[in-house]
């Protein structure tokens, strides 16, 4: 009689750290509550056992660090050098806004924890500071600029995310804007005279032009401090 073959547990070769982090980002980008990203929920999304994930990441904290690595560590800045401080500030500001909008979970990561990930620090801090310094901004002031740009992008992305018509250029965006403007215009004018009279402008607050206006004002003010004094 042939003895039964011994069963061996094999690691799912289709599962990778990259696939796990991608799934975690998909869940957290779609869900405004980062607490609902659990190891159990992530395992179910990947159709694997919970303990399987622990062979890749020791804890949820490690997964969150992996998410920061994935997004912040891959922050993209143009390869061409900037023509000066103004262009560098503009480049960095838009790069920050881009990653915040592509991955809303990053906004919540910044709001809930401090990452010690070297990959994230290299991509979204060291590279940015170097960019600003290379453009002619002194180091201490470059740090201040970094602080403003990242918090400004976080704030605007947080405001724009639940107001998607600010980014949509199709018929859906036009209709959402019309409905919001109609809502503001329909408020009691004796209680909200400014909002009613400026309904169209208020409805357009989530537009990228609002972000650009604030960014350009900051750039102008910063560049003036760098101008040589006679």
Protein backbone atom coordinates (compact mmCIF):
# COMPACT_ATOMS: atom_id res chain seq x y z
CA UNK A 1 0.00 0.00 0.00
CA UNK A 2 1.40 3.37 -1.04
CA UNK A 3 1.65 5.77 1.90
CA UNK A 4 -0.33 8.98 1.52
CA UNK A 5 1.68 11.85 0.11
CA UNK A 6 2.67 14.45 2.63
CA UNK A 7 0.97 17.78 2.05
CA UNK A 8 3.12 20.86 2.04
CA UNK A 9 1.87 24.41 2.38
CA UNK A 10 3.08 26.58 -0.42
CA UNK A 11 3.32 30.31 -0.42
CA UNK A 12 1.05 31.95 -2.99
CA UNK A 13 3.56 32.88 -5.66
CA UNK A 14 1.13 35.36 -7.21
CA UNK A 15 1.12 37.39 -4.01
CA UNK A 16 3.79 40.06 -3.73
CA UNK A 17 4.40 43.03 -1.45
CA UNK A 18 3.62 45.28 -4.40
CA UNK A 19 0.25 43.59 -4.95
CA UNK A 20 -0.59 43.87 -1.25
CA UNK A 21 0.26 47.58 -1.11
CA UNK A 22 -1.66 48.27 -4.32
CA UNK A 23 -4.75 46.60 -2.83
CA UNK A 24 -4.32 48.52 0.43
CA UNK A 25 -4.16 51.80 -1.47
CA UNK A 26 -7.26 50.95 -3.50
CA UNK A 27 -9.19 50.27 -0.30
CA UNK A 28 -7.98 53.34 1.59
CA UNK A 29 -8.28 55.71 -1.38
CA UNK A 30 -11.96 54.76 -1.68
CA UNK A 31 -12.74 54.80 2.04
CA UNK A 32 -12.35 58.07 3.98
CA UNK A 33 -11.83 56.20 7.27
CA UNK A 34 -8.29 54.82 7.41
CA UNK A 35 -9.23 52.78 10.49
CA UNK A 36 -11.38 50.56 8.26
CA UNK A 37 -8.28 49.37 6.45
CA UNK A 38 -7.64 46.23 8.49
CA UNK A 39 -5.40 43.25 7.83
CA UNK A 40 -8.49 41.04 7.73
CA UNK A 41 -10.23 43.23 5.17
CA UNK A 42 -7.09 43.40 3.07
CA UNK A 43 -6.68 39.63 3.19
CA UNK A 44 -10.27 39.16 2.08
CA UNK A 45 -9.72 41.58 -0.82
CA UNK A 46 -6.72 39.52 -1.91
CA UNK A 47 -8.51 36.22 -1.27
CA UNK A 48 -5.81 34.94 1.08
CA UNK A 49 -5.67 34.06 4.74
CA UNK A 50 -4.91 36.76 7.28
CA UNK A 51 -1.78 34.96 8.48
CA UNK A 52 -0.48 34.93 4.91
CA UNK A 53 -0.18 38.71 4.99
CA UNK A 54 1.83 38.53 8.19
CA UNK A 55 4.52 36.65 6.29
CA UNK A 56 4.97 39.82 4.22
CA UNK A 57 4.24 42.55 6.76
CA UNK A 58 4.55 42.28 10.53
CA UNK A 59 1.65 44.63 11.29
CA UNK A 60 -0.79 47.14 9.90
CA UNK A 61 1.77 49.84 10.72
CA UNK A 62 4.21 48.18 8.34
CA UNK A 63 1.52 48.16 5.66
CA UNK A 64 0.90 51.88 6.19
CA UNK A 65 4.63 52.51 5.88
CA UNK A 66 4.58 50.49 2.68
CA UNK A 67 1.79 52.69 1.36
CA UNK A 68 3.83 55.80 2.18
CA UNK A 69 6.84 54.27 0.43
CA UNK A 70 4.79 53.46 -2.64
CA UNK A 71 3.25 56.90 -3.06
CA UNK A 72 5.66 59.39 -1.52
CA UNK A 73 8.77 57.48 -2.52
CA UNK A 74 7.66 57.65 -6.14
CA UNK A 75 6.82 61.31 -6.21
CA UNK A 76 7.66 62.51 -9.69
CA UNK A 77 9.45 65.78 -10.38
CA UNK A 78 10.43 66.87 -13.90
CA UNK A 79 13.99 65.94 -14.81
CA UNK A 80 14.73 69.34 -16.34
CA UNK A 81 16.16 71.93 -13.94
CA UNK A 82 13.97 74.87 -12.99
CA UNK A 83 14.64 78.31 -14.43
CA UNK A 84 14.55 79.82 -10.95
CA UNK A 85 12.80 79.82 -7.57
CA UNK A 86 9.35 80.66 -8.97
CA UNK A 87 9.33 77.70 -11.33
CA UNK A 88 10.69 75.38 -8.64
CA UNK A 89 7.94 76.37 -6.20
CA UNK A 90 5.32 75.95 -8.90
CA UNK A 91 6.69 72.53 -9.86
CA UNK A 92 6.74 71.26 -6.28
CA UNK A 93 3.31 72.67 -5.46
CA UNK A 94 1.67 70.91 -8.38
CA UNK A 95 3.59 67.68 -7.70
CA UNK A 96 2.30 67.61 -4.13
CA UNK A 97 -1.27 68.29 -5.25
CA UNK A 98 -1.03 65.54 -7.85
CA UNK A 99 -0.06 62.81 -5.39
CA UNK A 100 -2.66 63.98 -2.85
CA UNK A 101 -5.42 63.80 -5.47
CA UNK A 102 -4.26 60.52 -7.00
CA UNK A 103 -4.11 58.92 -3.56
CA UNK A 104 -6.44 60.58 -1.02
CA UNK A 105 -5.24 58.04 1.54
CA UNK A 106 -1.92 59.91 1.69
CA UNK A 107 -3.75 62.94 3.08
CA UNK A 108 -5.13 60.74 5.86
CA UNK A 109 -1.71 59.18 6.46
CA UNK A 110 -0.24 62.64 7.05
CA UNK A 111 -3.14 63.54 9.32
CA UNK A 112 -2.90 60.43 11.47
CA UNK A 113 0.75 59.41 11.74
CA UNK A 114 4.38 60.33 11.15
CA UNK A 115 6.26 58.13 8.74
CA UNK A 116 9.89 57.22 9.43
CA UNK A 117 10.20 55.54 6.06
CA UNK A 118 13.48 56.48 4.40
CA UNK A 119 12.04 55.77 0.98
CA UNK A 120 9.20 58.22 1.58
CA UNK A 121 11.56 60.81 3.06
CA UNK A 122 13.89 60.56 0.08
CA UNK A 123 11.10 60.92 -2.47
CA UNK A 124 8.89 63.56 -0.89
CA UNK A 125 11.28 65.50 1.36
CA UNK A 126 14.97 65.20 0.46
CA UNK A 127 14.38 65.42 -3.29
CA UNK A 128 12.01 68.37 -2.84
CA UNK A 129 14.36 70.31 -0.58
CA UNK A 130 17.22 69.68 -3.00
CA UNK A 131 15.06 70.96 -5.84
CA UNK A 132 14.28 74.17 -3.99
CA UNK A 133 17.87 74.76 -2.90
CA UNK A 134 19.17 74.11 -6.43
CA UNK A 135 16.80 76.80 -7.71
CA UNK A 136 18.45 79.41 -5.50
CA UNK A 137 16.33 79.31 -2.33
CA UNK A 138 18.50 79.27 0.84
CA UNK A 139 18.20 76.06 2.87
CA UNK A 140 16.29 77.39 5.91
CA UNK A 141 13.84 79.22 3.65
CA UNK A 142 13.51 76.12 1.45
CA UNK A 143 12.32 74.22 4.52
CA UNK A 144 9.68 76.88 5.16
CA UNK A 145 8.59 76.70 1.52
CA UNK A 146 8.39 72.92 1.75
CA UNK A 147 6.17 73.20 4.82
CA UNK A 148 3.81 75.62 3.15
CA UNK A 149 3.56 73.72 -0.13
CA UNK A 150 2.84 70.31 1.38
CA UNK A 151 0.28 71.58 3.91
CA UNK A 152 -1.37 73.79 1.27
CA UNK A 153 -1.69 70.80 -1.07
CA UNK A 154 -3.06 68.62 1.74
CA UNK A 155 -5.66 71.25 2.64
CA UNK A 156 -6.80 71.91 -0.90
CA UNK A 157 -6.94 68.20 -1.79
CA UNK A 158 -9.02 67.57 1.34
CA UNK A 159 -11.44 70.30 0.30
CA UNK A 160 -11.64 69.27 -3.36
CA UNK A 161 -12.03 65.50 -2.88
CA UNK A 162 -15.71 65.58 -1.76
CA UNK A 163 -16.39 68.28 -4.39
CA UNK A 164 -15.35 66.46 -7.58
CA UNK A 165 -16.84 69.01 -9.96
CA UNK A 166 -13.71 71.06 -9.27
CA UNK A 167 -11.74 68.60 -11.41
CA UNK A 168 -14.36 67.27 -13.82
CA UNK A 169 -14.43 68.97 -17.23
CA UNK A 170 -17.18 66.78 -18.71
CA UNK A 171 -20.98 67.07 -18.66
CA UNK A 172 -21.13 65.45 -15.22
CA UNK A 173 -18.89 68.14 -13.77
CA UNK A 174 -20.92 70.88 -15.43
CA UNK A 175 -24.14 69.47 -14.00
CA UNK A 176 -22.69 69.10 -10.49
CA UNK A 177 -21.48 72.70 -10.64
CA UNK A 178 -24.91 73.88 -11.80
CA UNK A 179 -26.64 72.05 -8.96
CA UNK A 180 -24.27 73.45 -6.36
CA UNK A 181 -24.60 76.98 -7.68
CA UNK A 182 -28.39 76.55 -7.65
CA UNK A 183 -28.23 75.42 -4.02
CA UNK A 184 -26.28 78.51 -2.94
CA UNK A 185 -28.52 80.83 -4.97
CA UNK A 186 -31.59 79.30 -3.31
CA UNK A 187 -30.55 80.11 0.26
CA UNK A 188 -32.53 82.81 2.12
CA UNK A 189 -31.04 86.05 0.82
CA UNK A 190 -31.76 87.93 4.05
CA UNK A 191 -29.56 85.42 5.89
CA UNK A 192 -26.93 84.75 3.21
CA UNK A 193 -26.78 87.89 1.00
CA UNK A 194 -23.15 87.41 -0.03
CA UNK A 195 -23.44 83.68 -0.73
CA UNK A 196 -26.60 84.15 -2.79
CA UNK A 197 -25.19 87.02 -4.85
CA UNK A 198 -21.89 85.20 -5.38
CA UNK A 199 -23.37 81.73 -5.83
CA UNK A 200 -21.50 80.97 -9.06
CA UNK A 201 -18.15 82.06 -7.64
CA UNK A 202 -18.66 80.14 -4.38
CA UNK A 203 -19.54 76.98 -6.30
CA UNK A 204 -16.27 77.30 -8.23
CA UNK A 205 -14.09 77.30 -5.10
CA UNK A 206 -12.97 73.65 -5.63
CA UNK A 207 -11.62 74.53 -9.08
CA UNK A 208 -7.90 74.12 -9.70
CA UNK A 209 -7.80 77.84 -10.47
CA UNK A 210 -8.36 78.46 -6.74
CA UNK A 211 -5.28 76.39 -5.90
CA UNK A 212 -3.28 78.15 -8.61
CA UNK A 213 -4.27 81.61 -7.36
CA UNK A 214 -3.08 80.85 -3.83
CA UNK A 215 0.10 79.20 -5.08
CA UNK A 216 0.99 82.14 -7.32
CA UNK A 217 0.38 84.62 -4.48
CA UNK A 218 2.77 82.64 -2.29
CA UNK A 219 5.35 82.44 -5.08
CA UNK A 220 5.21 86.20 -5.65
CA UNK A 221 5.67 86.90 -1.95
CA UNK A 222 8.55 84.43 -1.66
CA UNK A 223 10.40 85.62 -4.75
CA UNK A 224 10.24 89.22 -3.49
CA UNK A 225 12.13 88.18 -0.35
CA UNK A 226 14.87 86.71 -2.56
CA UNK A 227 15.27 89.78 -4.78
CA UNK A 228 18.54 91.65 -4.22
CA UNK A 229 18.05 94.88 -2.29
CA UNK A 230 19.58 98.05 -3.63
